């Protein structure tokens, strides 16, 4: 990724009072995203809801924004993203939204400005596949789900 590329962000009209996404520590990989909601949102156990973040972005065509859960919300309350990681493509210009789901045992309330997810900017490769009738062999081969077991 070339850091000379242009990365732009815009707040939507009803989010002018909210913080822009930011890294919470110098070593953070993800920028925290805030809830852009007018009223508190209650998410019951096993329920999911779309939550606006109040921002739109423009990123270079060789990048994506990945939306990921916040580990503290997952551990303490069972709150995570339904489609994790969610992908924001470089050509999307709408408000970024996250699908939060409550896997916890108790209802969870989201308030305006709460940090609800994180966004990681990643470089991507656009590839062209060439169809073949034979793939190279590996030791693993076609062994899939759980083939190495649980214990070391």
N, C-alpha and C. Protein backbone atom coordinates (compact mmCIF):
# COMPACT_ATOMS: atom_id res chain seq x y z
N UNK A 1 0.86 -1.17 0.00
CA UNK A 1 0.00 0.00 0.00
C UNK A 1 0.90 1.23 0.00
N UNK A 2 0.54 2.17 -0.80
CA UNK A 2 1.30 3.41 -0.88
C UNK A 2 0.61 4.45 0.00
N UNK A 3 1.30 4.91 1.03
CA UNK A 3 0.68 5.86 1.94
C UNK A 3 0.55 7.25 1.34
N UNK A 4 0.99 7.40 0.10
CA UNK A 4 0.74 8.64 -0.62
C UNK A 4 -0.64 8.59 -1.29
N UNK A 5 -1.25 7.40 -1.30
CA UNK A 5 -2.60 7.28 -1.85
C UNK A 5 -3.55 8.10 -0.99
N UNK A 6 -4.68 8.45 -1.57
CA UNK A 6 -5.63 9.31 -0.86
C UNK A 6 -6.65 8.47 -0.09
N UNK A 7 -6.77 8.76 1.18
CA UNK A 7 -7.77 8.18 2.06
C UNK A 7 -8.61 9.34 2.58
N UNK A 8 -9.91 9.31 2.27
CA UNK A 8 -10.78 10.41 2.66
C UNK A 8 -11.93 9.88 3.51
N UNK A 9 -12.44 10.73 4.40
CA UNK A 9 -13.58 10.37 5.24
C UNK A 9 -14.52 11.56 5.31
N UNK A 10 -15.81 11.26 5.37
CA UNK A 10 -16.83 12.31 5.45
C UNK A 10 -17.87 11.87 6.48
N UNK A 11 -18.24 12.79 7.36
CA UNK A 11 -19.34 12.52 8.28
C UNK A 11 -20.66 12.76 7.56
N UNK A 12 -21.66 11.94 7.85
CA UNK A 12 -22.99 12.20 7.32
C UNK A 12 -23.61 13.34 8.13
N UNK A 13 -24.66 13.93 7.60
CA UNK A 13 -25.21 15.16 8.18
C UNK A 13 -25.58 15.01 9.66
N UNK A 14 -26.18 13.91 10.05
CA UNK A 14 -26.63 13.78 11.44
C UNK A 14 -25.56 13.21 12.37
N UNK A 15 -24.29 13.22 11.93
CA UNK A 15 -23.21 12.66 12.75
C UNK A 15 -22.11 13.68 13.04
N UNK A 16 -22.40 14.94 12.85
CA UNK A 16 -21.36 15.98 13.02
C UNK A 16 -20.79 16.01 14.44
N UNK A 17 -21.58 15.59 15.44
CA UNK A 17 -21.13 15.61 16.83
C UNK A 17 -20.32 14.37 17.23
N UNK A 18 -20.28 13.36 16.38
CA UNK A 18 -19.59 12.12 16.73
C UNK A 18 -18.10 12.20 16.39
N UNK A 19 -17.31 11.41 17.11
CA UNK A 19 -15.88 11.33 16.84
C UNK A 19 -15.63 10.59 15.53
N UNK A 20 -14.60 11.02 14.82
CA UNK A 20 -14.15 10.26 13.66
C UNK A 20 -13.52 8.97 14.16
N UNK A 21 -13.48 7.93 13.32
CA UNK A 21 -12.80 6.70 13.72
C UNK A 21 -11.35 7.01 14.09
N UNK A 22 -10.86 6.32 15.12
CA UNK A 22 -9.47 6.54 15.50
C UNK A 22 -8.88 5.29 16.11
N UNK A 23 -7.55 5.23 16.03
CA UNK A 23 -6.80 4.16 16.68
C UNK A 23 -6.72 4.51 18.16
N UNK A 24 -7.06 3.58 19.03
CA UNK A 24 -7.09 3.87 20.46
C UNK A 24 -5.72 3.75 21.12
N UNK A 25 -4.79 3.03 20.49
CA UNK A 25 -3.41 2.97 20.97
C UNK A 25 -2.49 3.06 19.77
N UNK A 26 -1.21 3.30 20.02
CA UNK A 26 -0.24 3.42 18.92
C UNK A 26 -0.04 2.09 18.19
N UNK A 27 -0.37 0.98 18.83
CA UNK A 27 -0.21 -0.31 18.19
C UNK A 27 -1.50 -0.91 17.65
N UNK A 28 -2.58 -0.16 17.69
CA UNK A 28 -3.88 -0.68 17.23
C UNK A 28 -3.88 -0.90 15.72
N UNK A 29 -4.46 -2.01 15.29
CA UNK A 29 -4.61 -2.29 13.86
C UNK A 29 -5.92 -1.73 13.33
N UNK A 30 -6.91 -1.62 14.20
CA UNK A 30 -8.23 -1.18 13.78
C UNK A 30 -8.61 0.17 14.35
N UNK A 31 -9.37 0.91 13.57
CA UNK A 31 -9.94 2.19 14.00
C UNK A 31 -11.31 1.91 14.59
N UNK A 32 -11.60 2.44 15.77
CA UNK A 32 -12.90 2.22 16.40
C UNK A 32 -13.97 3.05 15.71
N UNK A 33 -15.12 2.41 15.47
CA UNK A 33 -16.27 3.04 14.84
C UNK A 33 -17.36 3.27 15.89
N UNK A 34 -18.03 4.40 15.79
CA UNK A 34 -19.07 4.78 16.75
C UNK A 34 -20.47 4.55 16.19
N UNK A 35 -21.42 4.39 17.08
CA UNK A 35 -22.83 4.22 16.70
C UNK A 35 -23.44 5.58 16.39
N UNK A 36 -23.98 5.71 15.19
CA UNK A 36 -24.69 6.91 14.78
C UNK A 36 -26.19 6.61 14.84
N UNK A 37 -26.72 6.70 16.05
CA UNK A 37 -28.14 6.41 16.27
C UNK A 37 -28.77 7.59 16.99
N UNK A 38 -30.04 7.84 16.72
CA UNK A 38 -30.75 8.96 17.36
C UNK A 38 -31.24 8.60 18.75
N UNK A 39 -31.66 7.34 18.91
CA UNK A 39 -32.17 6.84 20.19
C UNK A 39 -31.43 5.56 20.54
N UNK A 40 -31.43 5.20 21.82
CA UNK A 40 -30.82 3.94 22.24
C UNK A 40 -31.43 2.78 21.44
N UNK A 41 -30.60 1.79 21.14
CA UNK A 41 -31.04 0.60 20.42
C UNK A 41 -30.86 -0.60 21.33
N UNK A 42 -31.93 -1.35 21.52
CA UNK A 42 -31.91 -2.56 22.33
C UNK A 42 -31.77 -3.76 21.40
N UNK A 43 -30.76 -4.60 21.67
CA UNK A 43 -30.60 -5.85 20.92
C UNK A 43 -30.82 -7.00 21.90
N UNK A 44 -31.89 -7.72 21.70
CA UNK A 44 -32.21 -8.87 22.54
C UNK A 44 -31.30 -10.04 22.20
N UNK A 45 -31.15 -11.02 23.11
CA UNK A 45 -30.37 -12.22 22.80
C UNK A 45 -30.87 -12.87 21.51
N UNK A 46 -29.94 -13.30 20.67
CA UNK A 46 -30.19 -13.93 19.37
C UNK A 46 -30.72 -12.96 18.31
N UNK A 47 -30.83 -11.69 18.63
CA UNK A 47 -31.33 -10.70 17.68
C UNK A 47 -30.14 -9.96 17.05
N UNK A 48 -30.35 -9.50 15.81
CA UNK A 48 -29.33 -8.67 15.16
C UNK A 48 -29.98 -7.44 14.57
N UNK A 49 -29.18 -6.36 14.51
CA UNK A 49 -29.67 -5.09 13.98
C UNK A 49 -28.55 -4.38 13.22
N UNK A 50 -28.96 -3.60 12.23
CA UNK A 50 -28.03 -2.77 11.47
C UNK A 50 -27.84 -1.46 12.22
N UNK A 51 -26.59 -1.09 12.46
CA UNK A 51 -26.27 0.14 13.17
C UNK A 51 -25.41 1.03 12.27
N UNK A 52 -25.84 2.26 12.06
CA UNK A 52 -25.08 3.22 11.26
C UNK A 52 -23.86 3.70 12.04
N UNK A 53 -22.81 4.09 11.30
CA UNK A 53 -21.59 4.60 11.93
C UNK A 53 -21.38 6.09 11.71
N UNK A 54 -22.15 6.71 10.83
CA UNK A 54 -22.03 8.15 10.63
C UNK A 54 -20.92 8.59 9.71
N UNK A 55 -20.26 7.64 9.04
CA UNK A 55 -19.17 8.01 8.15
C UNK A 55 -19.31 7.37 6.78
N UNK A 56 -18.71 8.04 5.80
CA UNK A 56 -18.51 7.53 4.45
C UNK A 56 -17.00 7.64 4.19
N UNK A 57 -16.47 6.73 3.39
CA UNK A 57 -15.04 6.78 3.11
C UNK A 57 -14.76 6.65 1.62
N UNK A 58 -13.59 7.10 1.23
CA UNK A 58 -13.05 6.89 -0.10
C UNK A 58 -11.64 6.38 0.09
N UNK A 59 -11.39 5.17 -0.40
CA UNK A 59 -10.08 4.56 -0.26
C UNK A 59 -9.57 4.15 -1.63
N UNK A 60 -8.26 3.96 -1.79
CA UNK A 60 -7.71 3.58 -3.09
C UNK A 60 -8.29 2.25 -3.58
N UNK A 61 -8.26 2.05 -4.89
CA UNK A 61 -8.87 0.87 -5.50
C UNK A 61 -8.16 -0.43 -5.13
N UNK A 62 -6.95 -0.36 -4.60
CA UNK A 62 -6.24 -1.58 -4.20
C UNK A 62 -6.41 -1.88 -2.71
N UNK A 63 -7.46 -1.28 -2.11
CA UNK A 63 -7.70 -1.47 -0.67
C UNK A 63 -9.15 -1.86 -0.40
N UNK A 64 -9.37 -2.37 0.79
CA UNK A 64 -10.70 -2.61 1.32
C UNK A 64 -10.69 -2.17 2.77
N UNK A 65 -11.85 -1.88 3.31
CA UNK A 65 -12.00 -1.65 4.74
C UNK A 65 -12.69 -2.87 5.30
N UNK A 66 -12.06 -3.51 6.27
CA UNK A 66 -12.67 -4.67 6.92
C UNK A 66 -13.30 -4.23 8.23
N UNK A 67 -14.55 -4.63 8.44
CA UNK A 67 -15.25 -4.35 9.68
C UNK A 67 -15.17 -5.58 10.56
N UNK A 68 -14.73 -5.35 11.79
CA UNK A 68 -14.50 -6.46 12.71
C UNK A 68 -15.13 -6.16 14.07
N UNK A 69 -15.41 -7.21 14.84
CA UNK A 69 -15.96 -7.00 16.19
C UNK A 69 -14.93 -6.37 17.12
N UNK A 70 -15.41 -5.80 18.18
CA UNK A 70 -14.54 -5.35 19.27
C UNK A 70 -14.48 -6.49 20.28
N UNK A 71 -13.28 -6.89 20.65
CA UNK A 71 -13.12 -8.07 21.49
C UNK A 71 -13.77 -7.90 22.86
N UNK A 72 -13.73 -6.71 23.43
CA UNK A 72 -14.33 -6.48 24.75
C UNK A 72 -15.84 -6.67 24.72
N UNK A 73 -16.50 -6.19 23.66
CA UNK A 73 -17.94 -6.39 23.55
C UNK A 73 -18.27 -7.88 23.38
N UNK A 74 -17.44 -8.58 22.64
CA UNK A 74 -17.67 -10.01 22.44
C UNK A 74 -17.49 -10.79 23.74
N UNK A 75 -16.41 -10.52 24.46
CA UNK A 75 -16.12 -11.26 25.69
C UNK A 75 -17.12 -10.94 26.80
N UNK A 76 -17.39 -9.66 27.02
CA UNK A 76 -18.22 -9.26 28.15
C UNK A 76 -19.71 -9.42 27.91
N UNK A 77 -20.15 -9.23 26.66
CA UNK A 77 -21.59 -9.18 26.40
C UNK A 77 -22.08 -10.13 25.30
N UNK A 78 -21.17 -10.78 24.58
CA UNK A 78 -21.57 -11.64 23.47
C UNK A 78 -21.98 -10.87 22.23
N UNK A 79 -21.55 -9.61 22.12
CA UNK A 79 -21.91 -8.78 20.98
C UNK A 79 -20.81 -8.89 19.92
N UNK A 80 -21.19 -9.21 18.70
CA UNK A 80 -20.23 -9.37 17.63
C UNK A 80 -20.88 -8.94 16.31
N UNK A 81 -20.13 -9.03 15.23
CA UNK A 81 -20.66 -8.71 13.91
C UNK A 81 -21.17 -9.98 13.25
N UNK A 82 -22.34 -9.89 12.67
CA UNK A 82 -22.95 -11.06 12.04
C UNK A 82 -22.13 -11.51 10.83
N UNK A 83 -21.65 -10.58 10.04
CA UNK A 83 -20.83 -10.92 8.87
C UNK A 83 -19.41 -10.43 9.12
N UNK A 84 -18.66 -11.21 9.86
CA UNK A 84 -17.33 -10.76 10.25
C UNK A 84 -16.26 -11.59 9.55
N UNK A 85 -15.30 -10.96 8.89
CA UNK A 85 -15.24 -9.52 8.73
C UNK A 85 -16.16 -9.06 7.60
N UNK A 86 -16.74 -7.91 7.79
CA UNK A 86 -17.51 -7.27 6.73
C UNK A 86 -16.55 -6.51 5.83
N UNK A 87 -16.84 -6.48 4.55
CA UNK A 87 -15.98 -5.79 3.61
C UNK A 87 -16.65 -4.55 3.06
N UNK A 88 -15.93 -3.44 3.10
CA UNK A 88 -16.35 -2.21 2.44
C UNK A 88 -15.43 -2.08 1.22
N UNK A 89 -16.01 -2.21 0.04
CA UNK A 89 -15.24 -2.13 -1.19
C UNK A 89 -14.82 -0.70 -1.47
N UNK A 90 -13.75 -0.56 -2.26
CA UNK A 90 -13.19 0.76 -2.54
C UNK A 90 -14.13 1.67 -3.31
N UNK A 91 -15.12 1.10 -4.00
CA UNK A 91 -16.03 1.94 -4.78
C UNK A 91 -17.35 2.23 -4.07
N UNK A 92 -17.50 1.81 -2.82
CA UNK A 92 -18.73 2.11 -2.05
C UNK A 92 -18.61 3.50 -1.45
N UNK A 93 -19.65 4.31 -1.60
CA UNK A 93 -19.62 5.67 -1.08
C UNK A 93 -20.76 5.98 -0.11
N UNK A 94 -21.51 4.97 0.30
CA UNK A 94 -22.59 5.19 1.25
C UNK A 94 -22.10 5.16 2.68
N UNK A 95 -23.02 5.43 3.59
CA UNK A 95 -22.68 5.38 5.01
C UNK A 95 -22.31 3.95 5.40
N UNK A 96 -21.25 3.81 6.14
CA UNK A 96 -20.83 2.49 6.61
C UNK A 96 -21.77 2.07 7.74
N UNK A 97 -22.23 0.83 7.65
CA UNK A 97 -23.14 0.26 8.65
C UNK A 97 -22.60 -1.09 9.08
N UNK A 98 -22.90 -1.47 10.30
CA UNK A 98 -22.48 -2.77 10.80
C UNK A 98 -23.71 -3.56 11.24
N UNK A 99 -23.63 -4.88 11.10
CA UNK A 99 -24.71 -5.75 11.56
C UNK A 99 -24.25 -6.37 12.88
N UNK A 100 -24.80 -5.86 13.98
CA UNK A 100 -24.46 -6.38 15.30
C UNK A 100 -25.44 -7.48 15.68
N UNK A 101 -24.91 -8.53 16.30
CA UNK A 101 -25.75 -9.61 16.80
C UNK A 101 -25.41 -9.85 18.27
N UNK A 102 -26.42 -10.18 19.03
CA UNK A 102 -26.26 -10.45 20.46
C UNK A 102 -26.28 -11.95 20.68
N UNK A 103 -25.10 -12.52 20.90
CA UNK A 103 -24.98 -13.94 21.24
C UNK A 103 -24.99 -14.14 22.75
N UNK A 104 -25.17 -13.05 23.50
CA UNK A 104 -25.16 -13.13 24.95
C UNK A 104 -26.49 -13.61 25.51
N UNK A 105 -26.57 -13.67 26.82
CA UNK A 105 -27.77 -14.14 27.51
C UNK A 105 -28.69 -12.99 27.91
N UNK A 106 -28.17 -11.76 27.88
CA UNK A 106 -28.94 -10.59 28.33
C UNK A 106 -29.13 -9.59 27.20
N UNK A 107 -30.20 -8.80 27.26
CA UNK A 107 -30.37 -7.72 26.29
C UNK A 107 -29.19 -6.76 26.39
N UNK A 108 -28.85 -6.13 25.27
CA UNK A 108 -27.74 -5.19 25.22
C UNK A 108 -28.22 -3.86 24.63
N UNK A 109 -27.86 -2.76 25.28
CA UNK A 109 -28.29 -1.44 24.83
C UNK A 109 -27.10 -0.71 24.21
N UNK A 110 -27.32 -0.18 23.01
CA UNK A 110 -26.33 0.65 22.33
C UNK A 110 -26.78 2.09 22.44
N UNK A 111 -25.85 2.96 22.80
CA UNK A 111 -26.13 4.39 22.93
C UNK A 111 -25.38 5.16 21.84
N UNK A 112 -25.87 6.32 21.52
CA UNK A 112 -25.22 7.17 20.52
C UNK A 112 -23.76 7.40 20.91
N UNK A 113 -22.88 7.18 19.95
CA UNK A 113 -21.45 7.40 20.17
C UNK A 113 -20.70 6.21 20.73
N UNK A 114 -21.41 5.15 21.14
CA UNK A 114 -20.71 3.96 21.64
C UNK A 114 -19.79 3.40 20.56
N UNK A 115 -18.64 2.91 20.97
CA UNK A 115 -17.73 2.25 20.04
C UNK A 115 -18.22 0.83 19.84
N UNK A 116 -18.64 0.51 18.62
CA UNK A 116 -19.36 -0.73 18.36
C UNK A 116 -18.60 -1.72 17.49
N UNK A 117 -17.59 -1.28 16.76
CA UNK A 117 -16.86 -2.16 15.86
C UNK A 117 -15.52 -1.49 15.56
N UNK A 118 -14.69 -2.19 14.82
CA UNK A 118 -13.44 -1.59 14.38
C UNK A 118 -13.27 -1.81 12.89
N UNK A 119 -12.51 -0.92 12.28
CA UNK A 119 -12.28 -0.95 10.84
C UNK A 119 -10.79 -1.05 10.59
N UNK A 120 -10.41 -2.05 9.79
CA UNK A 120 -9.02 -2.26 9.41
C UNK A 120 -8.91 -2.03 7.91
N UNK A 121 -7.97 -1.20 7.50
CA UNK A 121 -7.74 -0.97 6.08
C UNK A 121 -6.70 -1.97 5.61
N UNK A 122 -7.03 -2.72 4.56
CA UNK A 122 -6.14 -3.77 4.06
C UNK A 122 -5.93 -3.61 2.56
N UNK A 123 -4.73 -3.96 2.15
CA UNK A 123 -4.43 -3.98 0.73
C UNK A 123 -4.96 -5.28 0.15
N UNK A 124 -5.43 -5.23 -1.07
CA UNK A 124 -5.96 -6.43 -1.72
C UNK A 124 -5.28 -6.65 -3.06
N UNK A 125 -5.36 -7.86 -3.53
CA UNK A 125 -4.87 -8.21 -4.86
C UNK A 125 -6.06 -8.56 -5.72
N UNK A 126 -6.09 -8.05 -6.91
CA UNK A 126 -7.07 -8.48 -7.90
C UNK A 126 -6.36 -9.46 -8.81
N UNK A 127 -6.86 -10.69 -8.84
CA UNK A 127 -6.19 -11.76 -9.57
C UNK A 127 -7.04 -12.23 -10.74
N UNK A 128 -6.40 -12.86 -11.67
CA UNK A 128 -7.08 -13.53 -12.78
C UNK A 128 -6.75 -15.02 -12.67
N UNK A 129 -7.79 -15.84 -12.45
CA UNK A 129 -7.57 -17.27 -12.37
C UNK A 129 -7.44 -17.86 -13.77
N UNK A 130 -6.58 -18.86 -13.87
CA UNK A 130 -6.43 -19.61 -15.10
C UNK A 130 -6.97 -21.01 -14.82
N UNK A 131 -7.98 -21.42 -15.57
CA UNK A 131 -8.58 -22.73 -15.34
C UNK A 131 -7.61 -23.83 -15.74
N UNK A 132 -7.57 -24.88 -14.90
CA UNK A 132 -6.71 -26.03 -15.16
C UNK A 132 -7.46 -27.30 -14.75
N UNK A 133 -6.98 -28.41 -15.23
CA UNK A 133 -7.59 -29.69 -14.87
C UNK A 133 -6.82 -30.39 -13.76
N UNK A 134 -5.62 -29.92 -13.47
CA UNK A 134 -4.80 -30.52 -12.43
C UNK A 134 -4.19 -29.41 -11.59
N UNK A 135 -4.26 -29.56 -10.27
CA UNK A 135 -3.59 -28.65 -9.35
C UNK A 135 -2.33 -29.32 -8.82
N UNK A 136 -1.39 -28.52 -8.35
CA UNK A 136 -0.18 -29.09 -7.76
C UNK A 136 -0.54 -29.86 -6.50
N UNK A 137 0.25 -30.86 -6.17
CA UNK A 137 0.02 -31.68 -4.98
C UNK A 137 0.71 -31.06 -3.77
N UNK A 138 0.07 -31.22 -2.60
CA UNK A 138 0.66 -30.81 -1.33
C UNK A 138 0.52 -31.95 -0.34
N UNK A 139 1.25 -31.88 0.76
CA UNK A 139 1.13 -32.91 1.80
C UNK A 139 -0.29 -32.93 2.35
N UNK A 140 -0.89 -31.78 2.54
CA UNK A 140 -2.25 -31.70 3.09
C UNK A 140 -3.28 -32.23 2.11
N UNK A 141 -3.11 -31.92 0.86
CA UNK A 141 -4.07 -32.36 -0.15
C UNK A 141 -5.45 -31.79 0.09
N UNK A 142 -6.46 -32.65 0.10
CA UNK A 142 -7.84 -32.19 0.26
C UNK A 142 -8.37 -32.38 1.68
N UNK A 143 -7.47 -32.62 2.64
CA UNK A 143 -7.90 -32.77 4.03
C UNK A 143 -8.35 -31.41 4.55
N UNK A 144 -9.57 -31.34 5.04
CA UNK A 144 -10.14 -30.06 5.44
C UNK A 144 -10.44 -29.97 6.90
N UNK A 145 -11.64 -29.49 7.22
CA UNK A 145 -12.10 -29.18 8.56
C UNK A 145 -11.62 -30.16 9.61
N UNK A 146 -10.78 -29.67 10.54
CA UNK A 146 -10.36 -30.46 11.69
C UNK A 146 -9.38 -31.57 11.41
N UNK A 147 -8.77 -31.57 10.26
CA UNK A 147 -7.91 -32.71 9.91
C UNK A 147 -6.66 -32.83 10.78
N UNK A 148 -6.28 -31.76 11.47
CA UNK A 148 -5.08 -31.86 12.33
C UNK A 148 -5.44 -32.16 13.78
N UNK A 149 -6.72 -32.30 14.09
CA UNK A 149 -7.13 -32.64 15.44
C UNK A 149 -7.14 -31.46 16.37
N UNK A 150 -7.24 -31.75 17.68
CA UNK A 150 -7.32 -30.69 18.70
C UNK A 150 -6.03 -30.61 19.50
N UNK A 151 -5.46 -31.74 19.82
CA UNK A 151 -4.26 -31.78 20.66
C UNK A 151 -2.99 -31.67 19.82
N UNK A 152 -1.93 -31.20 20.48
CA UNK A 152 -0.64 -31.10 19.79
C UNK A 152 0.11 -32.40 19.94
